[in-house]
Every structure is written in structure tokens, then in C-alpha cells.
Amino acid sequence: MTVQEIKNRFRIIGNSPLLDRAIDIARQVAATDLSVLITGESGTGKEAFPQIIHQNSSRKHAHYIAVNCGAIPEGTIDSELFGHEKGSFTGAHDTRKGYFEVADGGTIFLDEVGELPLPTQVRLLRVLETGEYIRVGSSKVLKTNVRIVAATNVNMLQLMEKGRFREDLYYRLNTVPLIIPALRERKEDIPLLFRRFASDFADKYHMPPIKLTRDAEECLINYYWKGNIRQLKNVTEQISVIEKVREIDAKTIIAYLPDNNISTLPALFRPSGGDGNIPNELSEKELLYKILFELRKDMIDLKSIVYGLLEKGDSAQPIQTGNTRILKKLDNDIHKVETAMQIHPATHIEATVHENGIKELDGGQTLDEKEREIIRRTVEKHNGNKKAAAKELGISERTLFRKIKEL
């Protein structure tokens, strides 16, 4: 199957390169028996990829079993996975086959694998290494031939550091890592998904589909979407059912977007006017630059103050005794801020560190040049109105005038 054929079969919407790459990896690894660990935020659609792997493998005619490890009580999960003998515990009235026995020759999908208890992790590791397991209450070793695909939305490295997940099991499961992009990383797919959901709900509820104005579409594209595709689908359903007007504008869209997510990236929905309904046009990248510029400037100003105190001589004697440590700490803090400006995981900001310490941003710009560009564009956007420009940039008019003079 090609990537497009897989999308059609499994009703996957989107043309993002990151999404296509994930589908292509799933398609390629399907022909092997390697274990796959799927990672991605909640609501990104991870559950479709184990099925892609199973249906494109030689095991497609055998059983496919999906197990939500976080939904099974700790006391019964071993019995669910590996089976139990009659009388092995209270309530075990009959011998029962576990999922690994039922799915012999097929595929088991372990969703939320990070929720597995440590004793169960030991049993699972044995299955991965030897294909052997023992039913609860039995001493007889049984064999199984299953392909394991696992998924998680938590940071497995942090779980290992806390001793909640075995390192050896992690590397067994993570033979092939498969990363599902968050919705905010595939913004070009958001309008496509919205239209599909709107059409589906129109059919479901027997009403005309809702449509977006251009500004409403921009709101959706720039929103953070903490709940990813699941959240977008829920928002689309709410609007489809509640709104009588079928053309939806930005003001209506914002009313359905939770404030707790807006605060995650304030640049996207910070009001440029007093009514709180007009989205700010500063991009996410520009906001991050602006915050880091301000932090860097404050640290440099603080360093200058300390230098000034040291130059006063006796009046600064208590500070002089630890001046090397203080100045080194300030230099380290400034370096941390500048390091954050090199590569930011959410926006892929790139920069280069030269020997003289000057940072060069993507496109060959220094930090000061980038700040100058943001300020110039904002002032031009407001036709030279410094008050409006300062409001959008989130700084005072006085600070804006100072920056214009400096830059």
C-alpha cells in the first residue's frame, strides 16, 4: 500500500510531511516483526498506527487485540494478559486464556504502556525476549508468537528516572520509535480536519455543514490545541449543534476555545483591542523571541549594575569578596537564555553560536537584527502609531521609544 492508500483506508486526514513520514515508517516496519513504540500527545490519533502495522503485515489474518493498560486494575492485569488457572485467586472459577495466548500469531497493541505495574513489566520483558510466559497460578511455561506494538503519551525517560519503568523493557519495546506529530505541528491539516468533521456532523445531525470565515480559519490554525485532533473534533461538534448561523467567524470560534489553553501561548489570543475577541497577530515564534529578548536584556542590565557596584571600591567590599562567583553565575544565566534562543522544540527556532559569542538566527540574522525586524514590522503595521505598536508588542511606549533609539 502507498501512503495515500493507507490514508484512504484508515480515514486519515492531512498532508503534513510529519504525518506522511509517520505513516511511511509504519508501512515499512509492518513487514518485519520488530517491536514498535508509538509516542505522541493524547488525542493525536496514535490508535490508528498499530492497525496500519497489523493490516500491512503477514499477521493480518490472525488476531489483533488492543489493550488499554491504564484501564485494567493492577490486581487483574496479569490475568488479563497472561491468563490464569482455576482457583488461582478468589473469583477464578475457571481456567482462562490471556491475550497473549489468544493473539498467538497475531498482534497485541499495548496502549498506555507506561501504566504497567513493575511486576507485569518483568513478565512482558520475558515474552519479548523468549516468547515465554506463565499463567497466574501455574508453573507451566507456555510459548506465544505475537508482535507487540506499544503506545504512550508520557515521557518514558522520566518514568525510568523515577524507577517506574524498566530500562531494559523500554529498549525492547522501542526497537522502532514512531512519533505522531501534535496538531500544532501540522497546522496545514487543521482546516482539512475541520471540514471533514463539519461534514460528518452535518450528516449525523441532518443539518447544513458549518463553514469558516478566513479570520476564523486563522484562529483555528494558530490555536495551541492541547487536546489535539480529539479537541478539534469536539469543538467542531459543539459549534455544529449549537450555532444557528452556519458561517462561523473568529469571534464565535474564540468563544469555544478554553482559556486554559489560550494562556499556554498568550501571543495567539491576547487581545489587541479591549473586547478580547481580536486575536493578536504576533506569531508564536515572535512571541518567544520577544520574551527571550526581554529576559536577556534584564540579565545584561543586572550584570552592568553589579559591575558598577564592584567599581565603587570599599563601599562594595561585601560584594567584592564573592565577585567572581556572582559574575560567573550571571554569565551562565545569560548563556542559558541565549541557548534557549538557538533551538526551541515547539517552533524549531534555529541559530548559530560563533566564537565571539554573537548569535546568528536562521537567515543570517543576529538577535538584535531579529528584534529590530519584529519592532519595525509591528510599527509599520500600525502606520507609525507607537501606542498601538507597543500594546501589541506587550511593552510600554517608553520602552518602545528606547528600543527604537537603541536599534
Protein backbone atom coordinates (compact mmCIF):
# COMPACT_ATOMS: atom_id res chain seq x y z
CA MET A 1 0.00 0.00 0.00
CA THR A 2 1.14 3.54 -0.70
CA VAL A 3 0.90 6.29 1.93
CA GLN A 4 -2.17 7.73 0.20
CA GLU A 5 -3.87 4.34 0.02
CA ILE A 6 -3.29 3.90 3.74
CA LYS A 7 -4.82 7.32 4.41
CA ASN A 8 -7.88 6.41 2.37
CA ARG A 9 -8.34 3.04 4.06
CA PHE A 10 -7.90 4.26 7.62
CA ARG A 11 -9.64 7.63 7.10
CA ILE A 12 -6.55 9.64 7.98
CA ILE A 13 -6.87 13.31 7.03
CA GLY A 14 -3.87 15.52 6.32
CA ASN A 15 -0.92 16.23 4.06
CA SER A 16 1.66 17.26 6.65
CA PRO A 17 5.17 15.92 5.93
CA LEU A 18 5.43 14.83 9.58
CA LEU A 19 2.22 12.81 9.28
CA ASP A 20 3.28 11.29 5.96
CA ARG A 21 6.63 10.34 7.49
CA ALA A 22 4.94 8.55 10.42
CA ILE A 23 2.66 6.62 8.04
CA ASP A 24 5.60 5.68 5.84
CA ILE A 25 7.58 4.34 8.82
CA ALA A 26 4.57 2.28 9.93
CA ARG A 27 4.20 0.92 6.37
CA GLN A 28 7.86 -0.04 6.13
CA VAL A 29 8.15 -1.64 9.55
CA ALA A 30 4.94 -3.65 9.08
CA ALA A 31 6.74 -6.29 7.01
CA THR A 32 9.05 -7.07 9.94
CA ASP A 33 8.36 -8.47 13.40
CA LEU A 34 10.15 -5.65 15.20
CA SER A 35 8.54 -4.12 18.27
CA VAL A 36 7.30 -0.57 17.78
CA LEU A 37 6.83 2.14 20.41
CA ILE A 38 4.43 4.88 19.34
CA THR A 39 4.77 8.17 21.16
CA GLY A 40 2.69 11.31 20.90
CA GLU A 41 0.37 13.54 22.87
CA SER A 42 -3.11 12.46 23.85
CA GLY A 43 -5.62 12.94 21.05
CA THR A 44 -3.17 12.73 18.14
CA GLY A 45 -4.63 9.51 16.71
CA LYS A 46 -1.99 7.00 17.85
CA GLU A 47 -4.51 4.15 17.85
CA ALA A 48 -4.65 4.08 14.03
CA PHE A 49 -0.98 3.20 13.59
CA PRO A 50 -0.96 -0.26 15.25
CA GLN A 51 -3.79 -1.20 12.89
CA ILE A 52 -1.79 0.10 9.91
CA ILE A 53 1.14 -2.05 11.01
CA HIS A 54 -1.02 -5.14 11.58
CA GLN A 55 -3.00 -4.87 8.34
CA ASN A 56 0.17 -4.44 6.27
CA SER A 57 1.96 -7.39 7.89
CA SER A 58 1.97 -11.13 7.33
CA ARG A 59 -0.08 -11.41 10.54
CA LYS A 60 -3.11 -9.57 9.14
CA HIS A 61 -5.29 -12.71 9.04
CA ALA A 62 -4.56 -13.52 12.71
CA HIS A 63 -5.92 -11.80 15.83
CA TYR A 64 -5.38 -8.12 16.56
CA ILE A 65 -6.04 -7.23 20.20
CA ALA A 66 -5.88 -3.71 21.63
CA VAL A 67 -5.30 -3.46 25.38
CA ASN A 68 -5.61 -0.23 27.39
CA CYS A 69 -3.07 -0.87 30.14
CA GLY A 70 -4.25 2.14 32.12
CA ALA A 71 -7.84 0.91 32.30
CA ILE A 72 -7.12 -2.52 33.85
CA PRO A 73 -6.73 -2.70 37.66
CA GLU A 74 -3.26 -3.63 38.85
CA GLY A 75 -4.54 -6.73 40.61
CA THR A 76 -6.04 -8.27 37.47
CA ILE A 77 -3.78 -7.12 34.64
CA ASP A 78 -1.51 -10.17 34.80
CA SER A 79 -4.56 -12.41 34.49
CA GLU A 80 -5.84 -10.36 31.53
CA LEU A 81 -2.56 -10.50 29.67
CA PHE A 82 -1.26 -13.97 30.54
CA GLY A 83 -4.35 -15.87 31.73
CA HIS A 84 -4.91 -17.77 34.98
CA GLU A 85 -5.60 -21.27 36.30
CA LYS A 86 -8.81 -22.28 38.02
CA GLY A 87 -8.66 -21.49 41.74
CA SER A 88 -5.52 -19.33 41.43
CA PHE A 89 -7.29 -16.46 43.22
CA THR A 90 -10.72 -15.60 44.60
CA GLY A 91 -13.17 -15.48 41.73
CA ALA A 92 -11.05 -17.64 39.39
CA HIS A 93 -13.79 -20.24 38.84
CA ASP A 94 -12.38 -21.45 35.54
CA THR A 95 -9.12 -21.56 33.66
CA ARG A 96 -8.86 -18.51 31.42
CA LYS A 97 -6.68 -17.76 28.41
CA GLY A 98 -4.87 -14.42 28.40
CA TYR A 99 -4.47 -12.03 25.50
CA PHE A 100 -1.02 -13.36 24.65
CA GLU A 101 -2.44 -16.85 24.22
CA VAL A 102 -5.48 -15.72 22.23
CA ALA A 103 -3.41 -13.48 19.95
CA ASP A 104 -0.79 -16.14 19.20
CA GLY A 105 0.37 -15.49 15.63
CA GLY A 106 -1.15 -12.01 15.61
CA THR A 107 -0.56 -8.56 17.06
CA ILE A 108 -1.11 -7.06 20.50
CA PHE A 109 -1.39 -3.31 20.89
CA LEU A 110 -0.50 -2.16 24.42
CA ASP A 111 -1.89 1.36 24.78
CA GLU A 112 -0.69 3.49 27.72
CA VAL A 113 2.12 1.01 28.26
CA GLY A 114 3.74 3.35 30.79
CA GLU A 115 0.92 2.47 33.23
CA LEU A 116 2.01 -1.17 33.53
CA PRO A 117 2.95 -2.23 37.10
CA LEU A 118 6.58 -3.23 37.60
CA PRO A 119 5.84 -6.97 38.18
CA THR A 120 3.88 -7.07 34.92
CA GLN A 121 6.77 -5.33 33.17
CA VAL A 122 9.03 -8.24 34.20
CA ARG A 123 6.60 -10.75 32.66
CA LEU A 124 6.30 -8.67 29.48
CA LEU A 125 10.07 -8.45 29.14
CA ARG A 126 10.27 -12.25 29.22
CA VAL A 127 7.69 -12.51 26.43
CA LEU A 128 9.69 -10.07 24.32
CA GLU A 129 12.98 -11.87 24.93
CA THR A 130 11.92 -15.53 24.73
CA GLY A 131 8.24 -15.64 23.76
CA GLU A 132 7.55 -17.45 27.06
CA TYR A 133 5.01 -16.69 29.78
CA ILE A 134 3.27 -18.43 32.68
CA ARG A 135 -0.39 -18.19 33.58
CA VAL A 136 -1.25 -16.83 37.01
CA GLY A 137 -1.37 -19.76 39.45
CA SER A 138 0.50 -22.11 37.12
CA SER A 139 4.08 -23.35 36.86
CA LYS A 140 3.85 -24.49 33.25
CA VAL A 141 5.77 -22.40 30.73
CA LEU A 142 3.78 -21.53 27.63
CA LYS A 143 5.00 -20.13 24.31
CA THR A 144 3.47 -17.42 22.16
CA ASN A 145 4.38 -15.77 18.88
CA VAL A 146 2.96 -12.26 18.94
CA ARG A 147 4.05 -8.93 17.55
CA ILE A 148 3.92 -6.20 20.20
CA VAL A 149 3.13 -2.58 19.35
CA ALA A 150 3.04 -0.22 22.33
CA ALA A 151 1.97 3.40 22.69
CA THR A 152 2.32 6.11 25.32
CA ASN A 153 1.64 9.81 25.77
CA VAL A 154 4.01 10.21 28.71
CA ASN A 155 7.75 10.81 28.82
CA MET A 156 9.21 7.32 29.22
CA LEU A 157 12.67 8.64 30.08
CA GLN A 158 11.21 10.46 33.08
CA LEU A 159 9.38 7.30 34.17
CA MET A 160 12.67 5.39 34.04
CA GLU A 161 14.45 8.08 36.07
CA LYS A 162 11.73 7.77 38.73
CA GLY A 163 12.06 3.98 38.75
CA ARG A 164 8.52 3.43 37.43
CA PHE A 165 9.52 1.78 34.16
CA ARG A 166 12.24 -0.74 33.45
CA GLU A 167 15.03 0.49 31.21
CA ASP A 168 15.59 -2.92 29.61
CA LEU A 169 11.89 -3.20 28.74
CA TYR A 170 11.86 0.30 27.27
CA TYR A 171 14.66 -0.52 24.84
CA ARG A 172 12.97 -3.80 23.89
CA LEU A 173 9.73 -2.01 23.10
CA ASN A 174 11.45 0.92 21.41
CA THR A 175 13.16 -1.10 18.69
CA VAL A 176 11.43 1.16 16.17
CA PRO A 177 10.29 4.55 17.54
CA LEU A 178 7.27 6.06 15.83
CA ILE A 179 6.47 9.68 16.71
CA ILE A 180 2.99 11.03 15.95
CA PRO A 181 3.04 14.83 15.49
CA ALA A 182 0.85 17.09 17.60
CA LEU A 183 -1.85 19.03 15.77
CA ARG A 184 0.01 22.31 16.30
CA GLU A 185 2.94 20.77 14.37
CA ARG A 186 0.76 20.10 11.32
CA LYS A 187 -1.18 23.36 11.10
CA GLU A 188 -1.82 22.97 7.38
CA ASP A 189 -4.07 19.99 8.19
CA ILE A 190 -6.36 21.84 10.64
CA PRO A 191 -8.75 23.31 8.01
CA LEU A 192 -8.97 19.90 6.29
CA LEU A 193 -9.83 18.16 9.55
CA PHE A 194 -12.38 20.82 10.47
CA ARG A 195 -14.16 20.46 7.13
CA ARG A 196 -14.25 16.67 7.44
CA PHE A 197 -15.66 16.81 10.97
CA ALA A 198 -18.17 19.50 9.98
CA SER A 199 -19.38 17.34 7.10
CA ASP A 200 -19.64 14.24 9.31
CA PHE A 201 -21.65 16.07 11.97
CA ALA A 202 -23.89 17.64 9.34
CA ASP A 203 -24.79 14.15 8.15
CA LYS A 204 -25.17 12.86 11.69
CA TYR A 205 -27.48 15.65 12.86
CA HIS A 206 -29.21 16.27 9.49
CA MET A 207 -28.25 19.93 9.13
CA PRO A 208 -26.16 22.06 6.74
CA PRO A 209 -22.40 21.92 7.42
CA ILE A 210 -20.78 24.87 9.13
CA LYS A 211 -18.19 26.93 7.25
CA LEU A 212 -15.42 29.20 8.46
CA THR A 213 -14.60 32.76 7.51
CA ARG A 214 -10.96 33.47 6.74
CA ASP A 215 -10.28 35.04 10.15
CA ALA A 216 -11.96 32.10 11.90
CA GLU A 217 -9.76 29.67 9.99
CA GLU A 218 -6.69 31.64 11.07
CA CYS A 219 -7.82 31.37 14.69
CA LEU A 220 -8.02 27.60 14.41
CA ILE A 221 -4.66 27.36 12.66
CA ASN A 222 -2.88 29.44 15.31
CA TYR A 223 -4.53 27.90 18.36
CA TYR A 224 -2.41 25.64 20.58
CA TRP A 225 -4.75 22.58 20.56
CA LYS A 226 -3.60 20.96 23.77
CA GLY A 227 -6.13 18.17 23.18
CA ASN A 228 -5.07 17.79 19.53
CA ILE A 229 -7.43 16.17 16.99
CA ARG A 230 -9.83 14.97 19.69
CA GLN A 231 -10.25 18.53 20.95
CA LEU A 232 -10.74 19.91 17.43
CA LYS A 233 -13.41 17.28 16.77
CA ASN A 234 -15.24 18.15 20.00
CA VAL A 235 -15.15 21.88 19.23
CA THR A 236 -16.46 21.25 15.72
CA GLU A 237 -19.32 19.15 17.08
CA GLN A 238 -20.28 21.78 19.66
CA ILE A 239 -20.36 24.54 17.06
CA SER A 240 -22.28 22.35 14.59
CA VAL A 241 -25.01 21.66 17.12
CA ILE A 242 -25.26 24.99 18.93
CA GLU A 243 -24.74 27.70 16.31
CA LYS A 244 -27.71 28.61 14.12
CA VAL A 245 -25.66 30.72 11.70
CA ARG A 246 -23.70 28.30 9.52
CA GLU A 247 -20.88 30.69 8.63
CA ILE A 248 -18.63 30.94 11.66
CA ASP A 249 -16.42 33.99 12.31
CA ALA A 250 -13.41 34.44 14.60
CA LYS A 251 -15.47 35.88 17.47
CA THR A 252 -17.66 32.77 17.54
CA ILE A 253 -14.69 30.41 17.30
CA ILE A 254 -12.85 32.02 20.22
CA ALA A 255 -15.89 31.55 22.45
CA TYR A 256 -15.45 27.76 22.10
CA LEU A 257 -11.70 27.69 22.83
CA PRO A 258 -10.84 27.07 26.51
CA ASP A 259 -8.97 29.87 28.27
CA ASN A 260 -6.56 27.47 29.97
CA ASN A 261 -5.11 26.57 26.58
CA ILE A 262 -5.06 30.19 25.41
CA SER A 263 -2.79 31.05 28.33
CA THR A 264 -0.30 28.43 27.14
CA LEU A 265 0.60 30.62 24.17
CA PRO A 266 -0.63 34.13 25.01
CA ALA A 267 0.57 35.61 21.71
CA LEU A 268 -2.03 33.71 19.79
CA PHE A 269 -5.10 35.12 21.51
CA ARG A 270 -4.01 38.11 23.52
CA PRO A 271 -6.49 40.86 22.57
CA SER A 272 -5.17 43.76 20.51
CA GLY A 273 -8.34 45.64 21.43
CA GLY A 274 -10.41 46.00 24.55
CA ASP A 275 -13.11 43.48 23.69
CA GLY A 276 -10.83 40.45 23.93
CA ASN A 277 -12.12 38.98 20.69
CA ILE A 278 -9.46 40.07 18.19
CA PRO A 279 -6.52 37.64 18.03
CA ASN A 280 -3.04 39.12 18.27
CA GLU A 281 -1.11 38.85 15.03
CA LEU A 282 2.25 38.23 16.64
CA SER A 283 3.29 34.71 15.71
CA GLU A 284 4.29 32.10 18.27
CA LYS A 285 7.92 32.37 17.19
CA GLU A 286 7.91 36.15 17.52
CA LEU A 287 6.40 35.97 21.00
CA LEU A 288 9.10 33.56 22.13
CA TYR A 289 11.81 35.78 20.68
CA LYS A 290 10.29 38.82 22.39
CA ILE A 291 10.17 37.14 25.80
CA LEU A 292 13.72 35.86 25.49
CA PHE A 293 14.98 39.25 24.27
CA GLU A 294 13.49 40.93 27.34
CA LEU A 295 14.92 38.32 29.70
CA ARG A 296 18.36 38.58 28.11
CA LYS A 297 18.27 42.38 28.31
CA ASP A 298 17.30 42.28 32.00
CA MET A 299 20.16 39.89 32.79
CA ILE A 300 22.67 42.07 30.96
CA ASP A 301 21.37 45.17 32.80
CA LEU A 302 21.74 43.34 36.12
CA LYS A 303 25.30 42.38 35.23
CA SER A 304 26.08 46.05 34.47
CA ILE A 305 24.71 47.07 37.89
CA VAL A 306 26.93 44.51 39.62
CA TYR A 307 29.96 45.74 37.69
CA GLY A 308 29.09 49.29 38.79
CA LEU A 309 28.96 48.25 42.43
CA LEU A 310 32.30 46.48 42.16
CA GLU A 311 33.93 49.58 40.71
CA LYS A 312 32.90 51.65 43.78
CA GLY A 313 35.64 50.07 45.84
CA ASP A 314 35.31 49.93 49.62
CA SER A 315 31.56 50.65 49.62
CA ALA A 316 31.04 47.40 47.77
CA GLN A 317 33.53 45.33 49.77
CA PRO A 318 30.96 42.65 50.80
CA ILE A 319 30.13 42.07 47.13
CA GLN A 320 33.77 42.06 46.03
CA THR A 321 34.59 39.06 48.15
CA GLY A 322 32.32 36.92 46.01
CA ASN A 323 32.51 38.91 42.79
CA THR A 324 33.91 36.07 40.67
CA ARG A 325 31.11 33.71 41.68
CA ILE A 326 28.39 36.34 41.17
CA LEU A 327 29.60 37.40 37.73
CA LYS A 328 30.08 33.79 36.64
CA LYS A 329 26.52 33.00 37.74
CA LEU A 330 25.18 35.95 35.73
CA ASP A 331 27.17 34.90 32.68
CA ASN A 332 25.80 31.36 32.99
CA ASP A 333 22.22 32.65 33.26
CA ILE A 334 22.64 34.87 30.21
CA HIS A 335 24.10 31.91 28.34
CA LYS A 336 21.08 29.76 29.26
CA VAL A 337 18.71 32.38 27.86
CA GLU A 338 20.74 32.66 24.66
CA THR A 339 20.85 28.87 24.38
CA ALA A 340 17.04 28.81 24.56
CA MET A 341 17.06 31.13 21.55
CA GLN A 342 19.05 28.64 19.47
CA ILE A 343 16.57 25.73 19.14
CA HIS A 344 13.08 25.81 20.66
CA PRO A 345 11.23 22.45 20.35
CA ALA A 346 7.81 24.00 19.76
CA THR A 347 8.82 26.33 16.94
CA HIS A 348 12.07 24.92 15.55
CA ILE A 349 13.90 28.22 16.01
CA GLU A 350 17.43 27.76 14.75
CA ALA A 351 20.58 29.79 15.42
CA THR A 352 24.35 29.52 15.31
CA VAL A 353 26.81 30.32 18.12
CA HIS A 354 30.01 31.97 16.89
CA GLU A 355 33.30 32.14 18.76
CA ASN A 356 32.77 35.82 19.58
CA GLY A 357 29.51 34.92 21.33
CA ILE A 358 27.20 36.58 18.79
CA LYS A 359 24.13 34.52 17.99
CA GLU A 360 23.08 34.30 14.36
CA LEU A 361 19.47 33.34 13.67
CA ASP A 362 18.07 31.44 10.74
CA GLY A 363 18.51 33.60 7.65
CA GLY A 364 21.81 35.02 8.94
CA GLN A 365 20.26 37.49 11.38
CA THR A 366 21.73 38.36 14.77
CA LEU A 367 19.46 38.57 17.80
CA ASP A 368 19.41 42.36 17.68
CA GLU A 369 18.56 42.29 13.97
CA LYS A 370 15.66 39.93 14.63
CA GLU A 371 14.35 42.16 17.42
CA ARG A 372 14.69 45.20 15.15
CA GLU A 373 12.72 43.39 12.42
CA ILE A 374 9.85 42.47 14.80
CA ILE A 375 9.61 46.05 16.09
CA ARG A 376 9.80 47.55 12.58
CA ARG A 377 7.08 45.26 11.23
CA THR A 378 4.77 45.97 14.18
CA VAL A 379 5.21 49.75 13.93
CA GLU A 380 4.62 49.63 10.15
CA LYS A 381 1.53 47.51 10.66
CA HIS A 382 0.04 50.25 12.85
CA ASN A 383 1.09 53.01 10.40
CA GLY A 384 3.61 54.50 12.81
CA ASN A 385 1.23 54.55 15.79
CA LYS A 386 3.70 53.87 18.62
CA LYS A 387 1.00 53.44 21.24
CA ALA A 388 -0.78 50.70 19.27
CA ALA A 389 2.51 49.02 18.36
CA ALA A 390 3.67 49.00 21.99
CA LYS A 391 0.34 47.47 23.06
CA GLU A 392 0.66 44.63 20.56
CA LEU A 393 4.29 44.02 21.50
CA GLY A 394 3.29 43.92 25.18
CA ILE A 395 5.67 46.71 26.24
CA SER A 396 5.25 50.32 27.35
CA GLU A 397 5.52 53.25 24.92
CA ARG A 398 8.60 54.41 26.81
CA THR A 399 10.28 51.05 26.33
CA LEU A 400 9.36 51.04 22.65
CA PHE A 401 10.89 54.50 22.13
CA ARG A 402 14.05 53.36 23.95
CA LYS A 403 14.32 50.26 21.79
CA ILE A 404 13.78 52.25 18.59
CA LYS A 405 16.59 54.59 19.68
CA GLU A 406 18.90 51.70 20.62
CA LEU A 407 18.24 49.62 17.50
